Amino acid sequence: MFAVGSHDGKIYVYETQGFSLLGVCKGHSAAITCIDFSSDGTYLRSVCNAYELLFFRIPDCVQDPNGASNTAGT
């Protein structure tokens, strides 16, 4: 998988084989500046220009409000 952060505040997650769109992570209020996958690929964390740190479960792209706690060991 790979992820693309956009100025619209969304993160587009694609599959590398065939480059098909797996999902869109929504929740930021500003342009995305940083994206990072967990080592096992099950979480994505991101930061935007509004300094929001958000966590999303992959591949369903659902925001996890407890992501900081849930990813402490990854």
N, C-alpha and C. Protein backbone atom coordinates (compact mmCIF):
# COMPACT_ATOMS: atom_id res chain seq x y z
N MET A 1 0.83 -1.18 0.00
CA MET A 1 0.00 0.00 0.00
C MET A 1 0.88 1.25 0.00
N PHE A 2 0.28 2.31 -0.51
CA PHE A 2 0.90 3.61 -0.35
C PHE A 2 -0.19 4.63 -0.13
N ALA A 3 0.18 5.75 0.49
CA ALA A 3 -0.80 6.77 0.85
C ALA A 3 -0.37 8.12 0.27
N VAL A 4 -1.37 8.90 -0.11
CA VAL A 4 -1.13 10.23 -0.66
C VAL A 4 -1.92 11.23 0.15
N GLY A 5 -1.23 12.19 0.76
CA GLY A 5 -1.90 13.26 1.50
C GLY A 5 -2.25 14.39 0.57
N SER A 6 -3.38 15.01 0.80
CA SER A 6 -3.87 16.03 -0.12
C SER A 6 -4.12 17.35 0.61
N HIS A 7 -4.23 18.41 -0.18
CA HIS A 7 -4.56 19.72 0.39
C HIS A 7 -6.01 19.79 0.84
N ASP A 8 -6.83 18.84 0.42
CA ASP A 8 -8.23 18.84 0.85
C ASP A 8 -8.42 18.20 2.23
N GLY A 9 -7.30 17.82 2.89
CA GLY A 9 -7.38 17.25 4.23
C GLY A 9 -7.67 15.76 4.26
N LYS A 10 -7.63 15.11 3.11
CA LYS A 10 -7.91 13.68 3.02
C LYS A 10 -6.63 12.93 2.65
N ILE A 11 -6.61 11.65 3.02
CA ILE A 11 -5.50 10.77 2.67
C ILE A 11 -6.07 9.66 1.80
N TYR A 12 -5.50 9.50 0.64
CA TYR A 12 -5.95 8.49 -0.31
C TYR A 12 -4.99 7.30 -0.23
N VAL A 13 -5.54 6.12 0.10
CA VAL A 13 -4.75 4.90 0.27
C VAL A 13 -4.96 4.01 -0.95
N TYR A 14 -3.84 3.64 -1.57
CA TYR A 14 -3.87 2.83 -2.79
C TYR A 14 -3.16 1.50 -2.58
N GLU A 15 -3.56 0.52 -3.34
CA GLU A 15 -2.86 -0.75 -3.39
C GLU A 15 -1.77 -0.64 -4.45
N THR A 16 -0.59 -1.18 -4.17
CA THR A 16 0.52 -1.02 -5.10
C THR A 16 0.38 -1.87 -6.36
N GLN A 17 -0.33 -2.97 -6.28
CA GLN A 17 -0.54 -3.78 -7.48
C GLN A 17 -1.83 -3.33 -8.14
N GLY A 18 -1.71 -2.72 -9.29
CA GLY A 18 -2.87 -2.23 -10.01
C GLY A 18 -3.25 -0.80 -9.65
N PHE A 19 -2.64 -0.27 -8.60
CA PHE A 19 -2.87 1.11 -8.17
C PHE A 19 -4.36 1.43 -8.00
N SER A 20 -5.08 0.50 -7.40
CA SER A 20 -6.50 0.74 -7.15
C SER A 20 -6.68 1.42 -5.80
N LEU A 21 -7.67 2.28 -5.72
CA LEU A 21 -7.95 3.02 -4.50
C LEU A 21 -8.60 2.09 -3.48
N LEU A 22 -7.95 1.95 -2.31
CA LEU A 22 -8.50 1.12 -1.24
C LEU A 22 -9.47 1.90 -0.37
N GLY A 23 -9.19 3.18 -0.14
CA GLY A 23 -10.06 3.98 0.70
C GLY A 23 -9.54 5.39 0.86
N VAL A 24 -10.36 6.21 1.52
CA VAL A 24 -10.03 7.60 1.77
C VAL A 24 -10.18 7.85 3.27
N CYS A 25 -9.10 8.32 3.88
CA CYS A 25 -9.12 8.66 5.31
C CYS A 25 -9.53 10.12 5.45
N LYS A 26 -10.60 10.35 6.20
CA LYS A 26 -11.14 11.70 6.37
C LYS A 26 -11.12 12.08 7.84
N GLY A 27 -10.93 13.37 8.12
CA GLY A 27 -10.97 13.83 9.49
C GLY A 27 -10.13 15.07 9.75
N HIS A 28 -9.15 15.33 8.89
CA HIS A 28 -8.31 16.52 9.08
C HIS A 28 -9.03 17.77 8.59
N SER A 29 -8.68 18.89 9.20
CA SER A 29 -9.29 20.16 8.82
C SER A 29 -8.36 21.04 7.99
N ALA A 30 -7.18 20.52 7.66
CA ALA A 30 -6.22 21.28 6.87
C ALA A 30 -5.41 20.31 6.00
N ALA A 31 -4.52 20.86 5.21
CA ALA A 31 -3.70 20.05 4.29
C ALA A 31 -2.80 19.09 5.07
N ILE A 32 -2.63 17.90 4.54
CA ILE A 32 -1.81 16.87 5.17
C ILE A 32 -0.34 17.21 4.97
N THR A 33 0.45 17.09 6.06
CA THR A 33 1.88 17.37 5.96
C THR A 33 2.73 16.11 6.17
N CYS A 34 2.28 15.16 6.99
CA CYS A 34 3.07 13.96 7.28
C CYS A 34 2.17 12.74 7.37
N ILE A 35 2.68 11.62 6.86
CA ILE A 35 1.96 10.34 6.92
C ILE A 35 2.97 9.26 7.31
N ASP A 36 2.54 8.34 8.14
CA ASP A 36 3.41 7.25 8.57
C ASP A 36 2.58 6.00 8.79
N PHE A 37 3.01 4.87 8.23
CA PHE A 37 2.36 3.58 8.46
C PHE A 37 2.99 2.91 9.68
N SER A 38 2.20 2.15 10.42
CA SER A 38 2.77 1.31 11.47
C SER A 38 3.60 0.21 10.81
N SER A 39 4.49 -0.40 11.59
CA SER A 39 5.38 -1.40 11.01
C SER A 39 4.63 -2.61 10.47
N ASP A 40 3.46 -2.91 11.03
CA ASP A 40 2.68 -4.05 10.52
C ASP A 40 1.67 -3.64 9.46
N GLY A 41 1.58 -2.35 9.16
CA GLY A 41 0.70 -1.86 8.10
C GLY A 41 -0.77 -1.79 8.45
N THR A 42 -1.12 -1.93 9.72
CA THR A 42 -2.53 -1.91 10.11
C THR A 42 -3.02 -0.53 10.55
N TYR A 43 -2.11 0.40 10.75
CA TYR A 43 -2.46 1.76 11.15
C TYR A 43 -1.70 2.78 10.32
N LEU A 44 -2.31 3.94 10.19
CA LEU A 44 -1.69 5.08 9.56
C LEU A 44 -1.86 6.25 10.51
N ARG A 45 -0.80 6.99 10.75
CA ARG A 45 -0.93 8.22 11.54
C ARG A 45 -0.56 9.38 10.64
N SER A 46 -1.18 10.51 10.91
CA SER A 46 -0.96 11.65 10.04
C SER A 46 -1.07 12.95 10.82
N VAL A 47 -0.44 13.97 10.25
CA VAL A 47 -0.46 15.32 10.82
C VAL A 47 -0.81 16.27 9.70
N CYS A 48 -1.58 17.31 10.04
CA CYS A 48 -1.96 18.31 9.04
C CYS A 48 -1.42 19.68 9.45
N ASN A 49 -1.66 20.68 8.60
CA ASN A 49 -1.21 22.05 8.89
C ASN A 49 -1.86 22.65 10.13
N ALA A 50 -2.95 22.07 10.60
CA ALA A 50 -3.60 22.53 11.83
C ALA A 50 -3.04 21.80 13.06
N TYR A 51 -1.97 21.02 12.86
CA TYR A 51 -1.27 20.27 13.92
C TYR A 51 -2.14 19.20 14.57
N GLU A 52 -3.10 18.67 13.83
CA GLU A 52 -3.91 17.55 14.32
C GLU A 52 -3.15 16.26 14.06
N LEU A 53 -3.02 15.44 15.07
CA LEU A 53 -2.44 14.11 14.93
C LEU A 53 -3.59 13.12 14.98
N LEU A 54 -3.83 12.43 13.85
CA LEU A 54 -4.93 11.48 13.75
C LEU A 54 -4.41 10.10 13.38
N PHE A 55 -5.15 9.08 13.82
CA PHE A 55 -4.82 7.69 13.54
C PHE A 55 -5.97 7.04 12.78
N PHE A 56 -5.63 6.22 11.79
CA PHE A 56 -6.63 5.54 10.98
C PHE A 56 -6.28 4.05 10.89
N ARG A 57 -7.30 3.22 10.95
CA ARG A 57 -7.11 1.78 10.74
C ARG A 57 -7.06 1.52 9.24
N ILE A 58 -6.15 0.67 8.84
CA ILE A 58 -5.97 0.34 7.43
C ILE A 58 -6.32 -1.13 7.24
N PRO A 59 -7.02 -1.53 6.21
CA PRO A 59 -7.33 -0.81 4.98
C PRO A 59 -8.69 -0.14 4.95
N ASP A 60 -9.48 -0.20 6.03
CA ASP A 60 -10.84 0.37 5.97
C ASP A 60 -10.87 1.88 6.13
N CYS A 61 -9.75 2.51 6.51
CA CYS A 61 -9.61 3.97 6.59
C CYS A 61 -10.55 4.61 7.62
N VAL A 62 -10.85 3.90 8.68
CA VAL A 62 -11.70 4.44 9.74
C VAL A 62 -10.80 5.10 10.79
N GLN A 63 -11.18 6.33 11.17
CA GLN A 63 -10.40 7.04 12.18
C GLN A 63 -10.54 6.35 13.54
N ASP A 64 -9.43 6.21 14.25
CA ASP A 64 -9.41 5.59 15.58
C ASP A 64 -9.06 6.67 16.60
N PRO A 65 -10.05 7.13 17.39
CA PRO A 65 -9.77 8.16 18.38
C PRO A 65 -8.82 7.70 19.49
N ASN A 66 -8.67 6.39 19.67
CA ASN A 66 -7.75 5.84 20.65
C ASN A 66 -6.48 5.33 19.99
N GLY A 67 -6.17 5.83 18.83
CA GLY A 67 -5.04 5.34 18.05
C GLY A 67 -3.70 5.48 18.76
N ALA A 68 -3.50 6.54 19.51
CA ALA A 68 -2.23 6.71 20.22
C ALA A 68 -2.02 5.59 21.21
N SER A 69 -3.06 5.20 21.91
CA SER A 69 -2.96 4.09 22.87
C SER A 69 -2.89 2.75 22.15
N ASN A 70 -3.67 2.59 21.11
CA ASN A 70 -3.73 1.32 20.39
C ASN A 70 -2.46 1.00 19.59
N THR A 71 -1.67 2.01 19.30
CA THR A 71 -0.45 1.78 18.52
C THR A 71 0.81 1.93 19.35
N ALA A 72 0.70 1.98 20.64
CA ALA A 72 1.87 2.21 21.51
C ALA A 72 2.94 1.15 21.32
N GLY A 73 2.59 -0.07 21.02
CA GLY A 73 3.57 -1.13 20.88
C GLY A 73 4.02 -1.40 19.46
N THR A 74 3.55 -0.59 18.49
CA THR A 74 3.92 -0.87 17.10
C THR A 74 4.99 0.09 16.61
